[in-house]
mmCIF file of all heavy atoms, coordinates in Angstrom:
data_MODEL
# 
_entry.id   MODEL 
# 
loop_
_atom_site.group_PDB 
_atom_site.id 
_atom_site.type_symbol 
_atom_site.label_atom_id 
_atom_site.label_alt_id 
_atom_site.label_comp_id 
_atom_site.label_asym_id 
_atom_site.label_entity_id 
_atom_site.label_seq_id 
_atom_site.pdbx_PDB_ins_code 
_atom_site.Cartn_x 
_atom_site.Cartn_y 
_atom_site.Cartn_z 
_atom_site.occupancy 
_atom_site.B_iso_or_equiv 
_atom_site.pdbx_formal_charge 
_atom_site.auth_seq_id 
_atom_site.auth_comp_id 
_atom_site.auth_asym_id 
_atom_site.auth_atom_id 
_atom_site.pdbx_PDB_model_num 
ATOM 1   N N   . SER A 1 1  ? 0.854  -1.192 0.000  1.00 0.00 ? 1  SER A N   1 
ATOM 2   C CA  . SER A 1 1  ? 0.000  0.000  0.000  1.00 0.00 ? 1  SER A CA  1 
ATOM 3   C C   . SER A 1 1  ? 0.889  1.241  0.000  1.00 0.00 ? 1  SER A C   1 
ATOM 4   O O   . SER A 1 1  ? 2.079  1.171  0.349  1.00 0.00 ? 1  SER A O   1 
ATOM 5   C CB  . SER A 1 1  ? -0.885 0.013  1.245  1.00 0.00 ? 1  SER A CB  1 
ATOM 6   O OG  . SER A 1 1  ? -0.077 0.199  2.413  1.00 0.00 ? 1  SER A OG  1 
ATOM 7   N N   . ARG A 1 2  ? 0.318  2.364  -0.360 1.00 0.00 ? 2  ARG A N   1 
ATOM 8   C CA  . ARG A 1 2  ? 1.078  3.618  -0.311 1.00 0.00 ? 2  ARG A CA  1 
ATOM 9   C C   . ARG A 1 2  ? 1.528  3.910  1.127  1.00 0.00 ? 2  ARG A C   1 
ATOM 10  O O   . ARG A 1 2  ? 2.628  4.416  1.352  1.00 0.00 ? 2  ARG A O   1 
ATOM 11  C CB  . ARG A 1 2  ? 0.232  4.780  -0.840 1.00 0.00 ? 2  ARG A CB  1 
ATOM 12  C CG  . ARG A 1 2  ? -0.006 4.729  -2.340 1.00 0.00 ? 2  ARG A CG  1 
ATOM 13  C CD  . ARG A 1 2  ? -0.848 5.908  -2.793 1.00 0.00 ? 2  ARG A CD  1 
ATOM 14  N NE  . ARG A 1 2  ? -0.163 7.158  -2.551 1.00 0.00 ? 2  ARG A NE  1 
ATOM 15  C CZ  . ARG A 1 2  ? 0.655  7.746  -3.422 1.00 0.00 ? 2  ARG A CZ  1 
ATOM 16  N NH1 . ARG A 1 2  ? 0.891  7.190  -4.599 1.00 0.00 ? 2  ARG A NH1 1 
ATOM 17  N NH2 . ARG A 1 2  ? 1.225  8.889  -3.135 1.00 0.00 ? 2  ARG A NH2 1 
ATOM 18  N N   . GLU A 1 3  ? 0.663  3.586  2.072  1.00 0.00 ? 3  GLU A N   1 
ATOM 19  C CA  . GLU A 1 3  ? 0.995  3.822  3.478  1.00 0.00 ? 3  GLU A CA  1 
ATOM 20  C C   . GLU A 1 3  ? 2.237  3.019  3.881  1.00 0.00 ? 3  GLU A C   1 
ATOM 21  O O   . GLU A 1 3  ? 3.130  3.524  4.561  1.00 0.00 ? 3  GLU A O   1 
ATOM 22  C CB  . GLU A 1 3  ? -0.199 3.439  4.357  1.00 0.00 ? 3  GLU A CB  1 
ATOM 23  C CG  . GLU A 1 3  ? 0.019  3.699  5.839  1.00 0.00 ? 3  GLU A CG  1 
ATOM 24  C CD  . GLU A 1 3  ? -1.163 3.249  6.673  1.00 0.00 ? 3  GLU A CD  1 
ATOM 25  O OE1 . GLU A 1 3  ? -1.853 2.286  6.268  1.00 0.00 ? 3  GLU A OE1 1 
ATOM 26  O OE2 . GLU A 1 3  ? -1.378 3.837  7.731  1.00 0.00 ? 3  GLU A OE2 1 
ATOM 27  N N   . ARG A 1 4  ? 2.298  1.766  3.440  1.00 0.00 ? 4  ARG A N   1 
ATOM 28  C CA  . ARG A 1 4  ? 3.461  0.932  3.759  1.00 0.00 ? 4  ARG A CA  1 
ATOM 29  C C   . ARG A 1 4  ? 4.714  1.459  3.051  1.00 0.00 ? 4  ARG A C   1 
ATOM 30  O O   . ARG A 1 4  ? 5.802  1.494  3.644  1.00 0.00 ? 4  ARG A O   1 
ATOM 31  C CB  . ARG A 1 4  ? 3.189  -0.524 3.340  1.00 0.00 ? 4  ARG A CB  1 
ATOM 32  C CG  . ARG A 1 4  ? 4.410  -1.459 3.444  1.00 0.00 ? 4  ARG A CG  1 
ATOM 33  C CD  . ARG A 1 4  ? 4.834  -1.669 4.883  1.00 0.00 ? 4  ARG A CD  1 
ATOM 34  N NE  . ARG A 1 4  ? 6.064  -2.440 4.974  1.00 0.00 ? 4  ARG A NE  1 
ATOM 35  C CZ  . ARG A 1 4  ? 7.299  -1.930 5.003  1.00 0.00 ? 4  ARG A CZ  1 
ATOM 36  N NH1 . ARG A 1 4  ? 7.458  -0.616 4.948  1.00 0.00 ? 4  ARG A NH1 1 
ATOM 37  N NH2 . ARG A 1 4  ? 8.350  -2.706 5.096  1.00 0.00 ? 4  ARG A NH2 1 
ATOM 38  N N   . LEU A 1 5  ? 4.591  1.876  1.798  1.00 0.00 ? 5  LEU A N   1 
ATOM 39  C CA  . LEU A 1 5  ? 5.743  2.408  1.070  1.00 0.00 ? 5  LEU A CA  1 
ATOM 40  C C   . LEU A 1 5  ? 6.286  3.670  1.728  1.00 0.00 ? 5  LEU A C   1 
ATOM 41  O O   . LEU A 1 5  ? 7.501  3.906  1.739  1.00 0.00 ? 5  LEU A O   1 
ATOM 42  C CB  . LEU A 1 5  ? 5.365  2.708  -0.387 1.00 0.00 ? 5  LEU A CB  1 
ATOM 43  C CG  . LEU A 1 5  ? 5.190  1.488  -1.297 1.00 0.00 ? 5  LEU A CG  1 
ATOM 44  C CD1 . LEU A 1 5  ? 4.640  1.921  -2.648 1.00 0.00 ? 5  LEU A CD1 1 
ATOM 45  C CD2 . LEU A 1 5  ? 6.508  0.740  -1.459 1.00 0.00 ? 5  LEU A CD2 1 
ATOM 46  N N   . ALA A 1 6  ? 5.384  4.478  2.291  1.00 0.00 ? 6  ALA A N   1 
ATOM 47  C CA  . ALA A 1 6  ? 5.817  5.709  2.962  1.00 0.00 ? 6  ALA A CA  1 
ATOM 48  C C   . ALA A 1 6  ? 6.664  5.403  4.193  1.00 0.00 ? 6  ALA A C   1 
ATOM 49  O O   . ALA A 1 6  ? 7.446  6.242  4.635  1.00 0.00 ? 6  ALA A O   1 
ATOM 50  C CB  . ALA A 1 6  ? 4.601  6.546  3.349  1.00 0.00 ? 6  ALA A CB  1 
ATOM 51  N N   . ARG A 1 7  ? 6.516  4.191  4.744  1.00 0.00 ? 7  ARG A N   1 
ATOM 52  C CA  . ARG A 1 7  ? 7.302  3.789  5.924  1.00 0.00 ? 7  ARG A CA  1 
ATOM 53  C C   . ARG A 1 7  ? 8.471  2.881  5.541  1.00 0.00 ? 7  ARG A C   1 
ATOM 54  O O   . ARG A 1 7  ? 9.112  2.301  6.410  1.00 0.00 ? 7  ARG A O   1 
ATOM 55  C CB  . ARG A 1 7  ? 6.392  3.071  6.928  1.00 0.00 ? 7  ARG A CB  1 
ATOM 56  C CG  . ARG A 1 7  ? 5.324  3.965  7.545  1.00 0.00 ? 7  ARG A CG  1 
ATOM 57  C CD  . ARG A 1 7  ? 4.499  3.229  8.602  1.00 0.00 ? 7  ARG A CD  1 
ATOM 58  N NE  . ARG A 1 7  ? 3.502  2.346  8.008  1.00 0.00 ? 7  ARG A NE  1 
ATOM 59  C CZ  . ARG A 1 7  ? 3.583  1.029  7.956  1.00 0.00 ? 7  ARG A CZ  1 
ATOM 60  N NH1 . ARG A 1 7  ? 4.642  0.405  8.446  1.00 0.00 ? 7  ARG A NH1 1 
ATOM 61  N NH2 . ARG A 1 7  ? 2.622  0.301  7.406  1.00 0.00 ? 7  ARG A NH2 1 
ATOM 62  N N   . SER A 1 8  ? 8.745  2.765  4.257  1.00 0.00 ? 8  SER A N   1 
ATOM 63  C CA  . SER A 1 8  ? 9.793  1.856  3.790  1.00 0.00 ? 8  SER A CA  1 
ATOM 64  C C   . SER A 1 8  ? 11.030 2.630  3.350  1.00 0.00 ? 8  SER A C   1 
ATOM 65  O O   . SER A 1 8  ? 11.029 3.861  3.283  1.00 0.00 ? 8  SER A O   1 
ATOM 66  C CB  . SER A 1 8  ? 9.274  1.024  2.603  1.00 0.00 ? 8  SER A CB  1 
ATOM 67  O OG  . SER A 1 8  ? 9.271  1.802  1.415  1.00 0.00 ? 8  SER A OG  1 
ATOM 68  N N   . GLY A 1 9  ? 12.057 1.879  2.995  1.00 0.00 ? 9  GLY A N   1 
ATOM 69  C CA  . GLY A 1 9  ? 13.274 2.492  2.469  1.00 0.00 ? 9  GLY A CA  1 
ATOM 70  C C   . GLY A 1 9  ? 13.103 3.087  1.090  1.00 0.00 ? 9  GLY A C   1 
ATOM 71  O O   . GLY A 1 9  ? 14.021 3.718  0.564  1.00 0.00 ? 9  GLY A O   1 
ATOM 72  N N   . LEU A 1 10 ? 11.918 2.907  0.489  1.00 0.00 ? 10 LEU A N   1 
ATOM 73  C CA  . LEU A 1 10 ? 11.648 3.517  -0.812 1.00 0.00 ? 10 LEU A CA  1 
ATOM 74  C C   . LEU A 1 10 ? 11.068 4.925  -0.683 1.00 0.00 ? 10 LEU A C   1 
ATOM 75  O O   . LEU A 1 10 ? 10.750 5.550  -1.692 1.00 0.00 ? 10 LEU A O   1 
ATOM 76  C CB  . LEU A 1 10 ? 10.677 2.645  -1.620 1.00 0.00 ? 10 LEU A CB  1 
ATOM 77  C CG  . LEU A 1 10 ? 11.235 1.305  -2.109 1.00 0.00 ? 10 LEU A CG  1 
ATOM 78  C CD1 . LEU A 1 10 ? 10.160 0.528  -2.853 1.00 0.00 ? 10 LEU A CD1 1 
ATOM 79  C CD2 . LEU A 1 10 ? 12.451 1.513  -3.004 1.00 0.00 ? 10 LEU A CD2 1 
ATOM 80  N N   . ASN A 1 11 ? 10.908 5.392  0.538  1.00 0.00 ? 11 ASN A N   1 
ATOM 81  C CA  . ASN A 1 11 ? 10.455 6.770  0.741  1.00 0.00 ? 11 ASN A CA  1 
ATOM 82  C C   . ASN A 1 11 ? 11.683 7.651  0.925  1.00 0.00 ? 11 ASN A C   1 
ATOM 83  O O   . ASN A 1 11 ? 12.281 7.685  1.986  1.00 0.00 ? 11 ASN A O   1 
ATOM 84  C CB  . ASN A 1 11 ? 9.543  6.867  1.967  1.00 0.00 ? 11 ASN A CB  1 
ATOM 85  C CG  . ASN A 1 11 ? 9.043  8.287  2.179  1.00 0.00 ? 11 ASN A CG  1 
ATOM 86  O OD1 . ASN A 1 11 ? 9.301  9.177  1.369  1.00 0.00 ? 11 ASN A OD1 1 
ATOM 87  N ND2 . ASN A 1 11 ? 8.331  8.501  3.271  1.00 0.00 ? 11 ASN A ND2 1 
ATOM 88  N N   . SER A 1 12 ? 12.068 8.352  -0.136 1.00 0.00 ? 12 SER A N   1 
ATOM 89  C CA  . SER A 1 12 ? 13.253 9.209  -0.082 1.00 0.00 ? 12 SER A CA  1 
ATOM 90  C C   . SER A 1 12 ? 12.899 10.680 0.089  1.00 0.00 ? 12 SER A C   1 
ATOM 91  O O   . SER A 1 12 ? 13.768 11.538 0.071  1.00 0.00 ? 12 SER A O   1 
ATOM 92  C CB  . SER A 1 12 ? 14.089 9.031  -1.358 1.00 0.00 ? 12 SER A CB  1 
ATOM 93  O OG  . SER A 1 12 ? 13.299 9.257  -2.514 1.00 0.00 ? 12 SER A OG  1 
ATOM 94  N N   . ARG A 1 13 ? 11.603 10.947 0.260  1.00 0.00 ? 13 ARG A N   1 
ATOM 95  C CA  . ARG A 1 13 ? 11.186 12.350 0.420  1.00 0.00 ? 13 ARG A CA  1 
ATOM 96  C C   . ARG A 1 13 ? 11.618 12.852 1.795  1.00 0.00 ? 13 ARG A C   1 
ATOM 97  O O   . ARG A 1 13 ? 11.228 12.287 2.829  1.00 0.00 ? 13 ARG A O   1 
ATOM 98  C CB  . ARG A 1 13 ? 9.673  12.455 0.290  1.00 0.00 ? 13 ARG A CB  1 
ATOM 99  C CG  . ARG A 1 13 ? 9.157  13.887 0.347  1.00 0.00 ? 13 ARG A CG  1 
ATOM 100 C CD  . ARG A 1 13 ? 7.655  13.907 0.146  1.00 0.00 ? 13 ARG A CD  1 
ATOM 101 N NE  . ARG A 1 13 ? 7.181  15.272 0.136  1.00 0.00 ? 13 ARG A NE  1 
ATOM 102 C CZ  . ARG A 1 13 ? 6.139  15.699 0.839  1.00 0.00 ? 13 ARG A CZ  1 
ATOM 103 N NH1 . ARG A 1 13 ? 5.478  14.869 1.609  1.00 0.00 ? 13 ARG A NH1 1 
ATOM 104 N NH2 . ARG A 1 13 ? 5.760  16.948 0.768  1.00 0.00 ? 13 ARG A NH2 1 
ATOM 105 N N   . PRO A 1 14 ? 12.434 13.910 1.860  1.00 0.00 ? 14 PRO A N   1 
ATOM 106 C CA  . PRO A 1 14 ? 12.866 14.440 3.164  1.00 0.00 ? 14 PRO A CA  1 
ATOM 107 C C   . PRO A 1 14 ? 11.664 14.857 4.009  1.00 0.00 ? 14 PRO A C   1 
ATOM 108 O O   . PRO A 1 14 ? 10.673 15.371 3.487  1.00 0.00 ? 14 PRO A O   1 
ATOM 109 C CB  . PRO A 1 14 ? 13.723 15.652 2.790  1.00 0.00 ? 14 PRO A CB  1 
ATOM 110 C CG  . PRO A 1 14 ? 14.149 15.407 1.371  1.00 0.00 ? 14 PRO A CG  1 
ATOM 111 C CD  . PRO A 1 14 ? 13.025 14.664 0.736  1.00 0.00 ? 14 PRO A CD  1 
ATOM 112 N N   . ALA A 1 15 ? 11.753 14.636 5.302  1.00 0.00 ? 15 ALA A N   1 
ATOM 113 C CA  . ALA A 1 15 ? 10.627 14.915 6.205  1.00 0.00 ? 15 ALA A CA  1 
ATOM 114 C C   . ALA A 1 15 ? 10.186 16.371 6.125  1.00 0.00 ? 15 ALA A C   1 
ATOM 115 O O   . ALA A 1 15 ? 8.999  16.676 6.234  1.00 0.00 ? 15 ALA A O   1 
ATOM 116 C CB  . ALA A 1 15 ? 11.009 14.543 7.633  1.00 0.00 ? 15 ALA A CB  1 
ATOM 117 N N   . ALA A 1 16 ? 11.131 17.274 5.934  1.00 0.00 ? 16 ALA A N   1 
ATOM 118 C CA  . ALA A 1 16 ? 10.803 18.700 5.931  1.00 0.00 ? 16 ALA A CA  1 
ATOM 119 C C   . ALA A 1 16 ? 10.532 19.247 4.519  1.00 0.00 ? 16 ALA A C   1 
ATOM 120 O O   . ALA A 1 16 ? 10.351 20.455 4.349  1.00 0.00 ? 16 ALA A O   1 
ATOM 121 C CB  . ALA A 1 16 ? 11.945 19.488 6.565  1.00 0.00 ? 16 ALA A CB  1 
ATOM 122 N N   . ALA A 1 17 ? 10.507 18.365 3.510  1.00 0.00 ? 17 ALA A N   1 
ATOM 123 C CA  . ALA A 1 17 ? 10.346 18.835 2.137  1.00 0.00 ? 17 ALA A CA  1 
ATOM 124 C C   . ALA A 1 17 ? 8.967  19.428 1.911  1.00 0.00 ? 17 ALA A C   1 
ATOM 125 O O   . ALA A 1 17 ? 7.957  18.855 2.317  1.00 0.00 ? 17 ALA A O   1 
ATOM 126 C CB  . ALA A 1 17 ? 10.583 17.691 1.152  1.00 0.00 ? 17 ALA A CB  1 
ATOM 127 N N   . ALA A 1 18 ? 8.938  20.573 1.240  1.00 0.00 ? 18 ALA A N   1 
ATOM 128 C CA  . ALA A 1 18 ? 7.657  21.173 0.866  1.00 0.00 ? 18 ALA A CA  1 
ATOM 129 C C   . ALA A 1 18 ? 7.136  20.452 -0.360 1.00 0.00 ? 18 ALA A C   1 
ATOM 130 O O   . ALA A 1 18 ? 7.872  20.226 -1.324 1.00 0.00 ? 18 ALA A O   1 
ATOM 131 C CB  . ALA A 1 18 ? 7.847  22.652 0.566  1.00 0.00 ? 18 ALA A CB  1 
ATOM 132 N N   . GLY A 1 19 ? 5.888  20.047 -0.333 1.00 0.00 ? 19 GLY A N   1 
ATOM 133 C CA  . GLY A 1 19 ? 5.316  19.322 -1.463 1.00 0.00 ? 19 GLY A CA  1 
ATOM 134 C C   . GLY A 1 19 ? 3.817  19.499 -1.515 1.00 0.00 ? 19 GLY A C   1 
ATOM 135 O O   . GLY A 1 19 ? 3.241  20.251 -0.716 1.00 0.00 ? 19 GLY A O   1 
ATOM 136 N N   . PRO A 1 20 ? 3.159  18.802 -2.430 1.00 0.00 ? 20 PRO A N   1 
ATOM 137 C CA  . PRO A 1 20 ? 1.702  18.892 -2.524 1.00 0.00 ? 20 PRO A CA  1 
ATOM 138 C C   . PRO A 1 20 ? 1.033  18.353 -1.258 1.00 0.00 ? 20 PRO A C   1 
ATOM 139 O O   . PRO A 1 20 ? 1.649  17.619 -0.479 1.00 0.00 ? 20 PRO A O   1 
ATOM 140 C CB  . PRO A 1 20 ? 1.375  17.997 -3.723 1.00 0.00 ? 20 PRO A CB  1 
ATOM 141 C CG  . PRO A 1 20 ? 2.665  17.817 -4.454 1.00 0.00 ? 20 PRO A CG  1 
ATOM 142 C CD  . PRO A 1 20 ? 3.738  17.914 -3.440 1.00 0.00 ? 20 PRO A CD  1 
ATOM 143 N N   . ALA A 1 21 ? -0.216 18.692 -1.087 1.00 0.00 ? 21 ALA A N   1 
ATOM 144 C CA  . ALA A 1 21 ? -0.972 18.240 0.087  1.00 0.00 ? 21 ALA A CA  1 
ATOM 145 C C   . ALA A 1 21 ? -1.234 16.736 0.018  1.00 0.00 ? 21 ALA A C   1 
ATOM 146 O O   . ALA A 1 21 ? -1.112 16.110 -1.026 1.00 0.00 ? 21 ALA A O   1 
ATOM 147 C CB  . ALA A 1 21 ? -2.290 19.005 0.159  1.00 0.00 ? 21 ALA A CB  1 
ATOM 148 N N   . GLY A 1 22 ? -1.596 16.163 1.154  1.00 0.00 ? 22 GLY A N   1 
ATOM 149 C CA  . GLY A 1 22 ? -1.956 14.754 1.209  1.00 0.00 ? 22 GLY A CA  1 
ATOM 150 C C   . GLY A 1 22 ? -0.743 13.852 1.260  1.00 0.00 ? 22 GLY A C   1 
ATOM 151 O O   . GLY A 1 22 ? 0.320  14.245 1.741  1.00 0.00 ? 22 GLY A O   1 
ATOM 152 N N   . ASP A 1 23 ? -0.903 12.635 0.733  1.00 0.00 ? 23 ASP A N   1 
ATOM 153 C CA  . ASP A 1 23 ? 0.185  11.658 0.804  1.00 0.00 ? 23 ASP A CA  1 
ATOM 154 C C   . ASP A 1 23 ? 1.029  11.638 -0.464 1.00 0.00 ? 23 ASP A C   1 
ATOM 155 O O   . ASP A 1 23 ? 1.764  10.685 -0.712 1.00 0.00 ? 23 ASP A O   1 
ATOM 156 C CB  . ASP A 1 23 ? -0.367 10.258 1.095  1.00 0.00 ? 23 ASP A CB  1 
ATOM 157 C CG  . ASP A 1 23 ? -1.224 9.716  -0.045 1.00 0.00 ? 23 ASP A CG  1 
ATOM 158 O OD1 . ASP A 1 23 ? -1.501 10.469 -1.009 1.00 0.00 ? 23 ASP A OD1 1 
ATOM 159 O OD2 . ASP A 1 23 ? -1.616 8.540  0.021  1.00 0.00 ? 23 ASP A OD2 1 
ATOM 160 N N   . CYS A 1 24 ? 0.948  12.676 -1.269 1.00 0.00 ? 24 CYS A N   1 
ATOM 161 C CA  . CYS A 1 24 ? 1.732  12.772 -2.504 1.00 0.00 ? 24 CYS A CA  1 
ATOM 162 C C   . CYS A 1 24 ? 3.224  12.778 -2.172 1.00 0.00 ? 24 CYS A C   1 
ATOM 163 O O   . CYS A 1 24 ? 3.664  13.480 -1.264 1.00 0.00 ? 24 CYS A O   1 
ATOM 164 C CB  . CYS A 1 24 ? 1.352  14.031 -3.272 1.00 0.00 ? 24 CYS A CB  1 
ATOM 165 S SG  . CYS A 1 24 ? 2.214  14.194 -4.848 1.00 0.00 ? 24 CYS A SG  1 
ATOM 166 N N   . GLN A 1 25 ? 3.999  12.016 -2.920 1.00 0.00 ? 25 GLN A N   1 
ATOM 167 C CA  . GLN A 1 25 ? 5.416  11.839 -2.630 1.00 0.00 ? 25 GLN A CA  1 
ATOM 168 C C   . GLN A 1 25 ? 6.329  12.771 -3.434 1.00 0.00 ? 25 GLN A C   1 
ATOM 169 O O   . GLN A 1 25 ? 7.540  12.598 -3.439 1.00 0.00 ? 25 GLN A O   1 
ATOM 170 C CB  . GLN A 1 25 ? 5.817  10.387 -2.902 1.00 0.00 ? 25 GLN A CB  1 
ATOM 171 C CG  . GLN A 1 25 ? 5.249  9.408  -1.901 1.00 0.00 ? 25 GLN A CG  1 
ATOM 172 C CD  . GLN A 1 25 ? 5.800  9.635  -0.503 1.00 0.00 ? 25 GLN A CD  1 
ATOM 173 O OE1 . GLN A 1 25 ? 7.007  9.643  -0.301 1.00 0.00 ? 25 GLN A OE1 1 
ATOM 174 N NE2 . GLN A 1 25 ? 4.922  9.833  0.453  1.00 0.00 ? 25 GLN A NE2 1 
ATOM 175 N N   . ALA A 1 26 ? 5.781  13.744 -4.122 1.00 0.00 ? 26 ALA A N   1 
ATOM 176 C CA  . ALA A 1 26 ? 6.591  14.651 -4.940 1.00 0.00 ? 26 ALA A CA  1 
ATOM 177 C C   . ALA A 1 26 ? 7.450  15.565 -4.066 1.00 0.00 ? 26 ALA A C   1 
ATOM 178 O O   . ALA A 1 26 ? 7.020  16.004 -3.004 1.00 0.00 ? 26 ALA A O   1 
ATOM 179 C CB  . ALA A 1 26 ? 5.686  15.488 -5.840 1.00 0.00 ? 26 ALA A CB  1 
ATOM 180 N N   . TYR A 1 27 ? 8.659  15.828 -4.525 1.00 0.00 ? 27 TYR A N   1 
ATOM 181 C CA  . TYR A 1 27 ? 9.544  16.783 -3.856 1.00 0.00 ? 27 TYR A CA  1 
ATOM 182 C C   . TYR A 1 27 ? 10.611 17.230 -4.848 1.00 0.00 ? 27 TYR A C   1 
ATOM 183 O O   . TYR A 1 27 ? 10.688 16.714 -5.970 1.00 0.00 ? 27 TYR A O   1 
ATOM 184 C CB  . TYR A 1 27 ? 10.183 16.171 -2.607 1.00 0.00 ? 27 TYR A CB  1 
ATOM 185 C CG  . TYR A 1 27 ? 11.141 15.018 -2.834 1.00 0.00 ? 27 TYR A CG  1 
ATOM 186 C CD1 . TYR A 1 27 ? 12.523 15.213 -2.909 1.00 0.00 ? 27 TYR A CD1 1 
ATOM 187 C CD2 . TYR A 1 27 ? 10.664 13.707 -2.955 1.00 0.00 ? 27 TYR A CD2 1 
ATOM 188 C CE1 . TYR A 1 27 ? 13.395 14.146 -3.113 1.00 0.00 ? 27 TYR A CE1 1 
ATOM 189 C CE2 . TYR A 1 27 ? 11.535 12.644 -3.150 1.00 0.00 ? 27 TYR A CE2 1 
ATOM 190 C CZ  . TYR A 1 27 ? 12.901 12.863 -3.234 1.00 0.00 ? 27 TYR A CZ  1 
ATOM 191 O OH  . TYR A 1 27 ? 13.770 11.817 -3.422 1.00 0.00 ? 27 TYR A OH  1 
# 
């Protein structure tokens, strides 16, 4: 799931990165 990917090593989006609202992974 997207939720699981967000907690995995495939989430490279920096915690403080400004991006779109919601669970979008863009940065």
